[in-house]
Amino acid sequence: MAYFLCRLNPPRPTFAQDMSQAERAMMQTHVAYWMGHLQQGKVLLFGPVADPKGGWGVAVLAVRDEAEVRSLTGQDPAMLSGLPFSYDIYPMPRVIVPPSPQAPQA
């Protein structure tokens, strides 16, 4: 398993505040896309970041390798929208996560 932090850079710093109706609809598709991967266990978390310099999106992925993370980000509806979105992808050589809860023993 490989872990990556992915930063989605919007087309403009004010995107979260002034997106059009069409852009908002596309972002709903973007969220639905990542929700599907969250349910598959490939995404550990994702959401918007309220950076005072301009908002952006973040996701932490748990995938096989960098090729898979690049495939997933490349198929993101935001990337396919024709708007100038981009991803910064950072490998995480080590991660610390809480242990999974164990099922109660009978």
PDB file of N, CA and C in Angstrom:
ATOM      1  N   MET A   1       0.848  -1.179   0.000  1.00  0.00           N
ATOM      2  CA  MET A   1       0.000   0.000   0.000  1.00  0.00           C
ATOM      3  C   MET A   1       0.890   1.238   0.000  1.00  0.00           C
ATOM      4  N   ALA A   2       0.546   2.199  -0.825  1.00  0.00           N
ATOM      5  CA  ALA A   2       1.258   3.471  -0.901  1.00  0.00           C
ATOM      6  C   ALA A   2       0.270   4.594  -0.569  1.00  0.00           C
ATOM      7  N   TYR A   3       0.778   5.623   0.096  1.00  0.00           N
ATOM      8  CA  TYR A   3      -0.067   6.744   0.520  1.00  0.00           C
ATOM      9  C   TYR A   3       0.395   8.024  -0.168  1.00  0.00           C
ATOM     10  N   PHE A   4      -0.586   8.853  -0.532  1.00  0.00           N
ATOM     11  CA  PHE A   4      -0.296  10.102  -1.229  1.00  0.00           C
ATOM     12  C   PHE A   4      -1.205  11.203  -0.715  1.00  0.00           C
ATOM     13  N   LEU A   5      -0.636  12.389  -0.563  1.00  0.00           N
ATOM     14  CA  LEU A   5      -1.420  13.584  -0.308  1.00  0.00           C
ATOM     15  C   LEU A   5      -1.604  14.272  -1.648  1.00  0.00           C
ATOM     16  N   CYS A   6      -2.849  14.571  -1.978  1.00  0.00           N
ATOM     17  CA  CYS A   6      -3.169  15.197  -3.256  1.00  0.00           C
ATOM     18  C   CYS A   6      -3.801  16.553  -2.992  1.00  0.00           C
ATOM     19  N   ARG A   7      -3.259  17.575  -3.620  1.00  0.00           N
ATOM     20  CA  ARG A   7      -3.788  18.933  -3.503  1.00  0.00           C
ATOM     21  C   ARG A   7      -4.409  19.314  -4.840  1.00  0.00           C
ATOM     22  N   LEU A   8      -5.711  19.597  -4.817  1.00  0.00           N
ATOM     23  CA  LEU A   8      -6.413  20.050  -6.018  1.00  0.00           C
ATOM     24  C   LEU A   8      -6.382  21.570  -6.044  1.00  0.00           C
ATOM     25  N   ASN A   9      -5.720  22.111  -7.052  1.00  0.00           N
ATOM     26  CA  ASN A   9      -5.609  23.556  -7.228  1.00  0.00           C
ATOM     27  C   ASN A   9      -6.735  24.034  -8.132  1.00  0.00           C
ATOM     28  N   PRO A  10      -7.563  24.965  -7.634  1.00  0.00           N
ATOM     29  CA  PRO A  10      -8.685  25.437  -8.433  1.00  0.00           C
ATOM     30  C   PRO A  10      -8.237  26.403  -9.526  1.00  0.00           C
ATOM     31  N   PRO A  11      -9.153  26.728 -10.437  1.00  0.00           N
ATOM     32  CA  PRO A  11      -8.792  27.618 -11.543  1.00  0.00           C
ATOM     33  C   PRO A  11      -8.505  29.057 -11.129  1.00  0.00           C
ATOM     34  N   ARG A  12      -8.972  29.454  -9.929  1.00  0.00           N
ATOM     35  CA  ARG A  12      -8.708  30.823  -9.439  1.00  0.00           C
ATOM     36  C   ARG A  12      -8.817  30.796  -7.913  1.00  0.00           C
ATOM     37  N   PRO A  13      -8.124  31.682  -7.228  1.00  0.00           N
ATOM     38  CA  PRO A  13      -8.132  31.676  -5.758  1.00  0.00           C
ATOM     39  C   PRO A  13      -9.521  31.865  -5.151  1.00  0.00           C
ATOM     40  N   THR A  14     -10.401  32.552  -5.856  1.00  0.00           N
ATOM     41  CA  THR A  14     -11.740  32.845  -5.327  1.00  0.00           C
ATOM     42  C   THR A  14     -12.791  31.815  -5.756  1.00  0.00           C
ATOM     43  N   PHE A  15     -12.363  30.714  -6.338  1.00  0.00           N
ATOM     44  CA  PHE A  15     -13.284  29.727  -6.908  1.00  0.00           C
ATOM     45  C   PHE A  15     -14.369  29.290  -5.923  1.00  0.00           C
ATOM     46  N   ALA A  16     -14.009  28.993  -4.685  1.00  0.00           N
ATOM     47  CA  ALA A  16     -14.988  28.506  -3.705  1.00  0.00           C
ATOM     48  C   ALA A  16     -16.065  29.550  -3.411  1.00  0.00           C
ATOM     49  N   GLN A  17     -15.722  30.813  -3.533  1.00  0.00           N
ATOM     50  CA  GLN A  17     -16.678  31.878  -3.229  1.00  0.00           C
ATOM     51  C   GLN A  17     -17.511  32.310  -4.428  1.00  0.00           C
ATOM     52  N   ASP A  18     -16.955  32.205  -5.638  1.00  0.00           N
ATOM     53  CA  ASP A  18     -17.660  32.791  -6.780  1.00  0.00           C
ATOM     54  C   ASP A  18     -17.899  31.830  -7.944  1.00  0.00           C
ATOM     55  N   MET A  19     -17.920  30.518  -7.662  1.00  0.00           N
ATOM     56  CA  MET A  19     -18.150  29.579  -8.767  1.00  0.00           C
ATOM     57  C   MET A  19     -19.552  29.768  -9.349  1.00  0.00           C
ATOM     58  N   SER A  20     -19.638  29.536 -10.632  1.00  0.00           N
ATOM     59  CA  SER A  20     -20.912  29.643 -11.341  1.00  0.00           C
ATOM     60  C   SER A  20     -21.779  28.420 -11.030  1.00  0.00           C
ATOM     61  N   GLN A  21     -23.027  28.458 -11.471  1.00  0.00           N
ATOM     62  CA  GLN A  21     -23.920  27.312 -11.282  1.00  0.00           C
ATOM     63  C   GLN A  21     -23.352  26.076 -11.991  1.00  0.00           C
ATOM     64  N   ALA A  22     -22.830  26.258 -13.195  1.00  0.00           N
ATOM     65  CA  ALA A  22     -22.244  25.132 -13.933  1.00  0.00           C
ATOM     66  C   ALA A  22     -21.024  24.579 -13.195  1.00  0.00           C
ATOM     67  N   GLU A  23     -20.199  25.455 -12.650  1.00  0.00           N
ATOM     68  CA  GLU A  23     -19.026  25.008 -11.891  1.00  0.00           C
ATOM     69  C   GLU A  23     -19.461  24.285 -10.615  1.00  0.00           C
ATOM     70  N   ARG A  24     -20.509  24.785  -9.964  1.00  0.00           N
ATOM     71  CA  ARG A  24     -21.019  24.140  -8.750  1.00  0.00           C
ATOM     72  C   ARG A  24     -21.534  22.730  -9.066  1.00  0.00           C
ATOM     73  N   ALA A  25     -22.238  22.585 -10.180  1.00  0.00           N
ATOM     74  CA  ALA A  25     -22.735  21.265 -10.594  1.00  0.00           C
ATOM     75  C   ALA A  25     -21.573  20.318 -10.874  1.00  0.00           C
ATOM     76  N   MET A  26     -20.537  20.829 -11.535  1.00  0.00           N
ATOM     77  CA  MET A  26     -19.364  19.996 -11.804  1.00  0.00           C
ATOM     78  C   MET A  26     -18.706  19.575 -10.491  1.00  0.00           C
ATOM     79  N   MET A  27     -18.628  20.483  -9.515  1.00  0.00           N
ATOM     80  CA  MET A  27     -18.017  20.146  -8.225  1.00  0.00           C
ATOM     81  C   MET A  27     -18.842  19.097  -7.477  1.00  0.00           C
ATOM     82  N   GLN A  28     -20.143  19.095  -7.652  1.00  0.00           N
ATOM     83  CA  GLN A  28     -20.966  18.038  -7.049  1.00  0.00           C
ATOM     84  C   GLN A  28     -20.618  16.684  -7.667  1.00  0.00           C
ATOM     85  N   THR A  29     -20.360  16.678  -8.970  1.00  0.00           N
ATOM     86  CA  THR A  29     -19.918  15.448  -9.642  1.00  0.00           C
ATOM     87  C   THR A  29     -18.540  15.031  -9.129  1.00  0.00           C
ATOM     88  N   HIS A  30     -17.672  16.000  -8.918  1.00  0.00           N
ATOM     89  CA  HIS A  30     -16.333  15.756  -8.353  1.00  0.00           C
ATOM     90  C   HIS A  30     -16.447  15.092  -6.981  1.00  0.00           C
ATOM     91  N   VAL A  31     -17.317  15.624  -6.128  1.00  0.00           N
ATOM     92  CA  VAL A  31     -17.501  15.051  -4.786  1.00  0.00           C
ATOM     93  C   VAL A  31     -18.051  13.632  -4.888  1.00  0.00           C
ATOM     94  N   ALA A  32     -19.024  13.405  -5.747  1.00  0.00           N
ATOM     95  CA  ALA A  32     -19.584  12.058  -5.923  1.00  0.00           C
ATOM     96  C   ALA A  32     -18.515  11.079  -6.405  1.00  0.00           C
ATOM     97  N   TYR A  33     -17.653  11.522  -7.301  1.00  0.00           N
ATOM     98  CA  TYR A  33     -16.554  10.684  -7.803  1.00  0.00           C
ATOM     99  C   TYR A  33     -15.661  10.229  -6.653  1.00  0.00           C
ATOM    100  N   TRP A  34     -15.236  11.182  -5.806  1.00  0.00           N
ATOM    101  CA  TRP A  34     -14.343  10.820  -4.705  1.00  0.00           C
ATOM    102  C   TRP A  34     -15.065  10.046  -3.615  1.00  0.00           C
ATOM    103  N   MET A  35     -16.367  10.277  -3.424  1.00  0.00           N
ATOM    104  CA  MET A  35     -17.129   9.486  -2.450  1.00  0.00           C
ATOM    105  C   MET A  35     -17.108   8.010  -2.826  1.00  0.00           C
ATOM    106  N   GLY A  36     -17.210   7.724  -4.112  1.00  0.00           N
ATOM    107  CA  GLY A  36     -17.141   6.331  -4.559  1.00  0.00           C
ATOM    108  C   GLY A  36     -15.813   5.694  -4.189  1.00  0.00           C
ATOM    109  N   HIS A  37     -14.728   6.425  -4.349  1.00  0.00           N
ATOM    110  CA  HIS A  37     -13.406   5.884  -4.006  1.00  0.00           C
ATOM    111  C   HIS A  37     -13.201   5.832  -2.491  1.00  0.00           C
ATOM    112  N   LEU A  38     -13.854   6.736  -1.764  1.00  0.00           N
ATOM    113  CA  LEU A  38     -13.820   6.678  -0.303  1.00  0.00           C
ATOM    114  C   LEU A  38     -14.480   5.388   0.169  1.00  0.00           C
ATOM    115  N   GLN A  39     -15.609   5.051  -0.417  1.00  0.00           N
ATOM    116  CA  GLN A  39     -16.323   3.832  -0.038  1.00  0.00           C
ATOM    117  C   GLN A  39     -15.537   2.574  -0.405  1.00  0.00           C
ATOM    118  N   GLN A  40     -14.678   2.655  -1.403  1.00  0.00           N
ATOM    119  CA  GLN A  40     -13.828   1.525  -1.790  1.00  0.00           C
ATOM    120  C   GLN A  40     -12.581   1.424  -0.922  1.00  0.00           C
ATOM    121  N   GLY A  41     -12.334   2.419  -0.076  1.00  0.00           N
ATOM    122  CA  GLY A  41     -11.164   2.412   0.793  1.00  0.00           C
ATOM    123  C   GLY A  41      -9.910   2.997   0.169  1.00  0.00           C
ATOM    124  N   LYS A  42     -10.018   3.548  -1.031  1.00  0.00           N
ATOM    125  CA  LYS A  42      -8.842   4.143  -1.674  1.00  0.00           C
ATOM    126  C   LYS A  42      -8.577   5.562  -1.180  1.00  0.00           C
ATOM    127  N   VAL A  43      -9.608   6.208  -0.652  1.00  0.00           N
ATOM    128  CA  VAL A  43      -9.488   7.563  -0.132  1.00  0.00           C
ATOM    129  C   VAL A  43      -9.695   7.502   1.378  1.00  0.00           C
ATOM    130  N   LEU A  44      -8.736   8.041   2.118  1.00  0.00           N
ATOM    131  CA  LEU A  44      -8.859   8.063   3.575  1.00  0.00           C
ATOM    132  C   LEU A  44      -9.630   9.290   4.041  1.00  0.00           C
ATOM    133  N   LEU A  45      -9.451  10.405   3.329  1.00  0.00           N
ATOM    134  CA  LEU A  45     -10.172  11.641   3.626  1.00  0.00           C
ATOM    135  C   LEU A  45     -10.063  12.565   2.437  1.00  0.00           C
ATOM    136  N   PHE A  46     -11.028  13.466   2.309  1.00  0.00           N
ATOM    137  CA  PHE A  46     -10.935  14.512   1.283  1.00  0.00           C
ATOM    138  C   PHE A  46     -11.862  15.649   1.665  1.00  0.00           C
ATOM    139  N   GLY A  47     -11.553  16.832   1.136  1.00  0.00           N
ATOM    140  CA  GLY A  47     -12.409  17.983   1.389  1.00  0.00           C
ATOM    141  C   GLY A  47     -11.714  19.283   1.069  1.00  0.00           C
ATOM    142  N   PRO A  48     -12.457  20.378   1.225  1.00  0.00           N
ATOM    143  CA  PRO A  48     -11.897  21.700   0.940  1.00  0.00           C
ATOM    144  C   PRO A  48     -11.019  22.193   2.081  1.00  0.00           C
ATOM    145  N   VAL A  49     -10.036  23.010   1.723  1.00  0.00           N
ATOM    146  CA  VAL A  49      -9.152  23.653   2.694  1.00  0.00           C
ATOM    147  C   VAL A  49      -9.395  25.155   2.607  1.00  0.00           C
ATOM    148  N   ALA A  50      -9.694  25.771   3.749  1.00  0.00           N
ATOM    149  CA  ALA A  50      -9.985  27.209   3.795  1.00  0.00           C
ATOM    150  C   ALA A  50      -8.687  27.981   4.006  1.00  0.00           C
ATOM    151  N   ASP A  51      -7.888  28.023   2.967  1.00  0.00           N
ATOM    152  CA  ASP A  51      -6.615  28.754   3.001  1.00  0.00           C
ATOM    153  C   ASP A  51      -6.914  30.240   2.782  1.00  0.00           C
ATOM    154  N   PRO A  52      -6.441  31.141   3.658  1.00  0.00           N
ATOM    155  CA  PRO A  52      -6.699  32.573   3.466  1.00  0.00           C
ATOM    156  C   PRO A  52      -6.162  33.118   2.137  1.00  0.00           C
ATOM    157  N   LYS A  53      -5.186  32.435   1.540  1.00  0.00           N
ATOM    158  CA  LYS A  53      -4.634  32.870   0.253  1.00  0.00           C
ATOM    159  C   LYS A  53      -5.466  32.383  -0.926  1.00  0.00           C
ATOM    160  N   GLY A  54      -6.438  31.537  -0.642  1.00  0.00           N
ATOM    161  CA  GLY A  54      -7.276  30.950  -1.690  1.00  0.00           C
ATOM    162  C   GLY A  54      -7.498  29.486  -1.397  1.00  0.00           C
ATOM    163  N   GLY A  55      -8.741  29.077  -1.390  1.00  0.00           N
ATOM    164  CA  GLY A  55      -9.075  27.693  -1.057  1.00  0.00           C
ATOM    165  C   GLY A  55      -8.552  26.695  -2.076  1.00  0.00           C
ATOM    166  N   TRP A  56      -8.416  25.470  -1.632  1.00  0.00           N
ATOM    167  CA  TRP A  56      -8.009  24.361  -2.487  1.00  0.00           C
ATOM    168  C   TRP A  56      -8.549  23.082  -1.874  1.00  0.00           C
ATOM    169  N   GLY A  57      -8.413  21.968  -2.549  1.00  0.00           N
ATOM    170  CA  GLY A  57      -8.911  20.696  -2.059  1.00  0.00           C
ATOM    171  C   GLY A  57      -7.780  19.775  -1.669  1.00  0.00           C
ATOM    172  N   VAL A  58      -8.060  18.893  -0.720  1.00  0.00           N
ATOM    173  CA  VAL A  58      -7.060  17.923  -0.279  1.00  0.00           C
ATOM    174  C   VAL A  58      -7.689  16.537  -0.211  1.00  0.00           C
ATOM    175  N   ALA A  59      -6.879  15.546  -0.512  1.00  0.00           N
ATOM    176  CA  ALA A  59      -7.279  14.147  -0.338  1.00  0.00           C
ATOM    177  C   ALA A  59      -6.038  13.364   0.061  1.00  0.00           C
ATOM    178  N   VAL A  60      -6.237  12.374   0.897  1.00  0.00           N
ATOM    179  CA  VAL A  60      -5.173  11.420   1.227  1.00  0.00           C
ATOM    180  C   VAL A  60      -5.644  10.075   0.694  1.00  0.00           C
ATOM    181  N   LEU A  61      -4.838   9.511  -0.186  1.00  0.00           N
ATOM    182  CA  LEU A  61      -5.186   8.260  -0.851  1.00  0.00           C
ATOM    183  C   LEU A  61      -4.293   7.122  -0.383  1.00  0.00           C
ATOM    184  N   ALA A  62      -4.875   5.930  -0.335  1.00  0.00           N
ATOM    185  CA  ALA A  62      -4.157   4.690  -0.046  1.00  0.00           C
ATOM    186  C   ALA A  62      -4.368   3.783  -1.255  1.00  0.00           C
ATOM    187  N   VAL A  63      -3.347   3.677  -2.096  1.00  0.00           N
ATOM    188  CA  VAL A  63      -3.463   2.970  -3.367  1.00  0.00           C
ATOM    189  C   VAL A  63      -2.244   2.068  -3.587  1.00  0.00           C
ATOM    190  N   ARG A  64      -2.247   1.347  -4.700  1.00  0.00           N
ATOM    191  CA  ARG A  64      -1.132   0.435  -5.003  1.00  0.00           C
ATOM    192  C   ARG A  64       0.173   1.172  -5.258  1.00  0.00           C
ATOM    193  N   ASP A  65       0.074   2.255  -6.075  1.00  0.00           N
ATOM    194  CA  ASP A  65       1.304   2.926  -6.493  1.00  0.00           C
ATOM    195  C   ASP A  65       0.972   4.301  -7.083  1.00  0.00           C
ATOM    196  N   GLU A  66       2.003   5.011  -7.498  1.00  0.00           N
ATOM    197  CA  GLU A  66       1.811   6.351  -8.054  1.00  0.00           C
ATOM    198  C   GLU A  66       0.999   6.317  -9.348  1.00  0.00           C
ATOM    199  N   ALA A  67       1.142   5.273 -10.122  1.00  0.00           N
ATOM    200  CA  ALA A  67       0.361   5.180 -11.357  1.00  0.00           C
ATOM    201  C   ALA A  67      -1.140   5.180 -11.051  1.00  0.00           C
ATOM    202  N   GLU A  68      -1.536   4.502  -9.989  1.00  0.00           N
ATOM    203  CA  GLU A  68      -2.958   4.469  -9.639  1.00  0.00           C
ATOM    204  C   GLU A  68      -3.445   5.842  -9.177  1.00  0.00           C
ATOM    205  N   VAL A  69      -2.649   6.535  -8.360  1.00  0.00           N
ATOM    206  CA  VAL A  69      -3.084   7.860  -7.911  1.00  0.00           C
ATOM    207  C   VAL A  69      -3.167   8.814  -9.100  1.00  0.00           C
ATOM    208  N   ARG A  70      -2.268   8.718 -10.029  1.00  0.00           N
ATOM    209  CA  ARG A  70      -2.322   9.581 -11.216  1.00  0.00           C
ATOM    210  C   ARG A  70      -3.525   9.243 -12.094  1.00  0.00           C
ATOM    211  N   SER A  71      -3.877   7.984 -12.171  1.00  0.00           N
ATOM    212  CA  SER A  71      -5.069   7.588 -12.919  1.00  0.00           C
ATOM    213  C   SER A  71      -6.331   8.134 -12.247  1.00  0.00           C
ATOM    214  N   LEU A  72      -6.416   7.991 -10.930  1.00  0.00           N
ATOM    215  CA  LEU A  72      -7.591   8.475 -10.207  1.00  0.00           C
ATOM    216  C   LEU A  72      -7.732   9.992 -10.322  1.00  0.00           C
ATOM    217  N   THR A  73      -6.655  10.721 -10.125  1.00  0.00           N
ATOM    218  CA  THR A  73      -6.748  12.181 -10.215  1.00  0.00           C
ATOM    219  C   THR A  73      -7.015  12.615 -11.658  1.00  0.00           C
ATOM    220  N   GLY A  74      -6.460  11.907 -12.618  1.00  0.00           N
ATOM    221  CA  GLY A  74      -6.671  12.254 -14.020  1.00  0.00           C
ATOM    222  C   GLY A  74      -8.102  12.055 -14.479  1.00  0.00           C
ATOM    223  N   GLN A  75      -8.829  11.146 -13.826  1.00  0.00           N
ATOM    224  CA  GLN A  75     -10.221  10.879 -14.183  1.00  0.00           C
ATOM    225  C   GLN A  75     -11.216  11.695 -13.350  1.00  0.00           C
ATOM    226  N   ASP A  76     -10.715  12.525 -12.468  1.00  0.00           N
ATOM    227  CA  ASP A  76     -11.551  13.395 -11.655  1.00  0.00           C
ATOM    228  C   ASP A  76     -12.354  14.319 -12.574  1.00  0.00           C
ATOM    229  N   PRO A  77     -13.674  14.419 -12.369  1.00  0.00           N
ATOM    230  CA  PRO A  77     -14.471  15.330 -13.199  1.00  0.00           C
ATOM    231  C   PRO A  77     -13.942  16.763 -13.218  1.00  0.00           C
ATOM    232  N   ALA A  78     -13.307  17.217 -12.152  1.00  0.00           N
ATOM    233  CA  ALA A  78     -12.715  18.563 -12.166  1.00  0.00           C
ATOM    234  C   ALA A  78     -11.629  18.650 -13.235  1.00  0.00           C
ATOM    235  N   MET A  79     -10.820  17.598 -13.352  1.00  0.00           N
ATOM    236  CA  MET A  79      -9.743  17.595 -14.340  1.00  0.00           C
ATOM    237  C   MET A  79     -10.284  17.454 -15.761  1.00  0.00           C
ATOM    238  N   LEU A  80     -11.423  16.808 -15.910  1.00  0.00           N
ATOM    239  CA  LEU A  80     -12.008  16.582 -17.231  1.00  0.00           C
ATOM    240  C   LEU A  80     -12.944  17.715 -17.644  1.00  0.00           C
ATOM    241  N   SER A  81     -13.126  18.696 -16.775  1.00  0.00           N
ATOM    242  CA  SER A  81     -14.107  19.764 -17.000  1.00  0.00           C
ATOM    243  C   SER A  81     -13.686  20.785 -18.052  1.00  0.00           C
ATOM    244  N   GLY A  82     -12.418  20.827 -18.391  1.00  0.00           N
ATOM    245  CA  GLY A  82     -11.932  21.861 -19.296  1.00  0.00           C
ATOM    246  C   GLY A  82     -11.490  23.119 -18.568  1.00  0.00           C
ATOM    247  N   LEU A  83     -11.763  23.200 -17.269  1.00  0.00           N
ATOM    248  CA  LEU A  83     -11.287  24.318 -16.452  1.00  0.00           C
ATOM    249  C   LEU A  83      -9.842  24.049 -16.055  1.00  0.00           C
ATOM    250  N   PRO A  84      -9.065  25.094 -15.791  1.00  0.00           N
ATOM    251  CA  PRO A  84      -7.641  24.883 -15.476  1.00  0.00           C
ATOM    252  C   PRO A  84      -7.382  24.435 -14.031  1.00  0.00           C
ATOM    253  N   PHE A  85      -7.942  23.277 -13.652  1.00  0.00           N
ATOM    254  CA  PHE A  85      -7.608  22.644 -12.385  1.00  0.00           C
ATOM    255  C   PHE A  85      -6.275  21.925 -12.554  1.00  0.00           C
ATOM    256  N   SER A  86      -5.588  21.694 -11.454  1.00  0.00           N
ATOM    257  CA  SER A  86      -4.382  20.865 -11.480  1.00  0.00           C
ATOM    258  C   SER A  86      -4.244  20.184 -10.129  1.00  0.00           C
ATOM    259  N   TYR A  87      -3.483  19.109 -10.115  1.00  0.00           N
ATOM    260  CA  TYR A  87      -3.175  18.389  -8.884  1.00  0.00           C
ATOM    261  C   TYR A  87      -1.685  18.467  -8.598  1.00  0.00           C
ATOM    262  N   ASP A  88      -1.352  18.669  -7.333  1.00  0.00           N
ATOM    263  CA  ASP A  88      -0.007  18.418  -6.816  1.00  0.00           C
ATOM    264  C   ASP A  88      -0.115  17.110  -6.053  1.00  0.00           C
ATOM    265  N   ILE A  89       0.777  16.176  -6.346  1.00  0.00           N
ATOM    266  CA  ILE A  89       0.725  14.846  -5.730  1.00  0.00           C
ATOM    267  C   ILE A  89       2.021  14.618  -4.966  1.00  0.00           C
ATOM    268  N   TYR A  90       1.873  14.310  -3.684  1.00  0.00           N
ATOM    269  CA  TYR A  90       3.028  14.132  -2.806  1.00  0.00           C
ATOM    270  C   TYR A  90       3.010  12.731  -2.192  1.00  0.00           C
ATOM    271  N   PRO A  91       4.043  11.926  -2.425  1.00  0.00           N
ATOM    272  CA  PRO A  91       4.115  10.630  -1.753  1.00  0.00           C
ATOM    273  C   PRO A  91       4.324  10.831  -0.252  1.00  0.00           C
ATOM    274  N   MET A  92       3.738   9.950   0.519  1.00  0.00           N
ATOM    275  CA  MET A  92       3.909   9.964   1.971  1.00  0.00           C
ATOM    276  C   MET A  92       4.674   8.690   2.346  1.00  0.00           C
ATOM    277  N   PRO A  93       5.983   8.791   2.564  1.00  0.00           N
ATOM    278  CA  PRO A  93       6.781   7.591   2.807  1.00  0.00           C
ATOM    279  C   PRO A  93       6.388   6.835   4.077  1.00  0.00           C
ATOM    280  N   ARG A  94       5.842   7.556   5.055  1.00  0.00           N
ATOM    281  CA  ARG A  94       5.380   6.909   6.289  1.00  0.00           C
ATOM    282  C   ARG A  94       4.065   7.556   6.701  1.00  0.00           C
ATOM    283  N   VAL A  95       3.160   6.747   7.204  1.00  0.00           N
ATOM    284  CA  VAL A  95       1.915   7.278   7.744  1.00  0.00           C
ATOM    285  C   VAL A  95       1.648   6.622   9.094  1.00  0.00           C
ATOM    286  N   ILE A  96       0.992   7.359   9.939  1.00  0.00           N
ATOM    287  CA  ILE A  96       0.592   6.836  11.245  1.00  0.00           C
ATOM    288  C   ILE A  96      -0.923   6.933  11.291  1.00  0.00           C
ATOM    289  N   VAL A  97      -1.557   5.805  11.422  1.00  0.00           N
ATOM    290  CA  VAL A  97      -3.012   5.760  11.487  1.00  0.00           C
ATOM    291  C   VAL A  97      -3.419   4.978  12.728  1.00  0.00           C
ATOM    292  N   PRO A  98      -4.596   5.271  13.267  1.00  0.00           N
ATOM    293  CA  PRO A  98      -5.019   4.500  14.431  1.00  0.00           C
ATOM    294  C   PRO A  98      -5.257   3.048  14.047  1.00  0.00           C
ATOM    295  N   PRO A  99      -5.065   2.144  14.990  1.00  0.00           N
ATOM    296  CA  PRO A  99      -5.336   0.740  14.680  1.00  0.00           C
ATOM    297  C   PRO A  99      -6.819   0.533  14.399  1.00  0.00           C
ATOM    298  N   SER A 100      -7.097  -0.421  13.552  1.00  0.00           N
ATOM    299  CA  SER A 100      -8.498  -0.743  13.255  1.00  0.00           C
ATOM    300  C   SER A 100      -9.126  -1.386  14.485  1.00  0.00           C
ATOM    301  N   PRO A 101     -10.372  -1.009  14.781  1.00  0.00           N
ATOM    302  CA  PRO A 101     -11.032  -1.660  15.914  1.00  0.00           C
ATOM    303  C   PRO A 101     -11.258  -3.127  15.603  1.00  0.00           C
ATOM    304  N   GLN A 102     -11.037  -3.934  16.580  1.00  0.00           N
ATOM    305  CA  GLN A 102     -11.243  -5.371  16.396  1.00  0.00           C
ATOM    306  C   GLN A 102     -12.679  -5.739  16.744  1.00  0.00           C
ATOM    307  N   ALA A 103     -13.166  -6.720  16.041  1.00  0.00           N
ATOM    308  CA  ALA A 103     -14.540  -7.191  16.323  1.00  0.00           C
ATOM    309  C   ALA A 103     -14.564  -7.848  17.696  1.00  0.00           C
ATOM    310  N   PRO A 104     -15.645  -7.660  18.443  1.00  0.00           N
ATOM    311  CA  PRO A 104     -15.729  -8.304  19.751  1.00  0.00           C
ATOM    312  C   PRO A 104     -15.696  -9.812  19.600  1.00  0.00           C
ATOM    313  N   GLN A 105     -15.049 -10.461  20.521  1.00  0.00           N
ATOM    314  CA  GLN A 105     -14.968 -11.921  20.477  1.00  0.00           C
ATOM    315  C   GLN A 105     -16.152 -12.507  21.225  1.00  0.00           C
ATOM    316  N   ALA A 106     -16.692 -13.566  20.646  1.00  0.00           N
ATOM    317  CA  ALA A 106     -17.872 -14.216  21.249  1.00  0.00           C
ATOM    318  C   ALA A 106     -17.481 -15.138  22.369  1.00  0.00           C
TER     319      ALA A 106
END
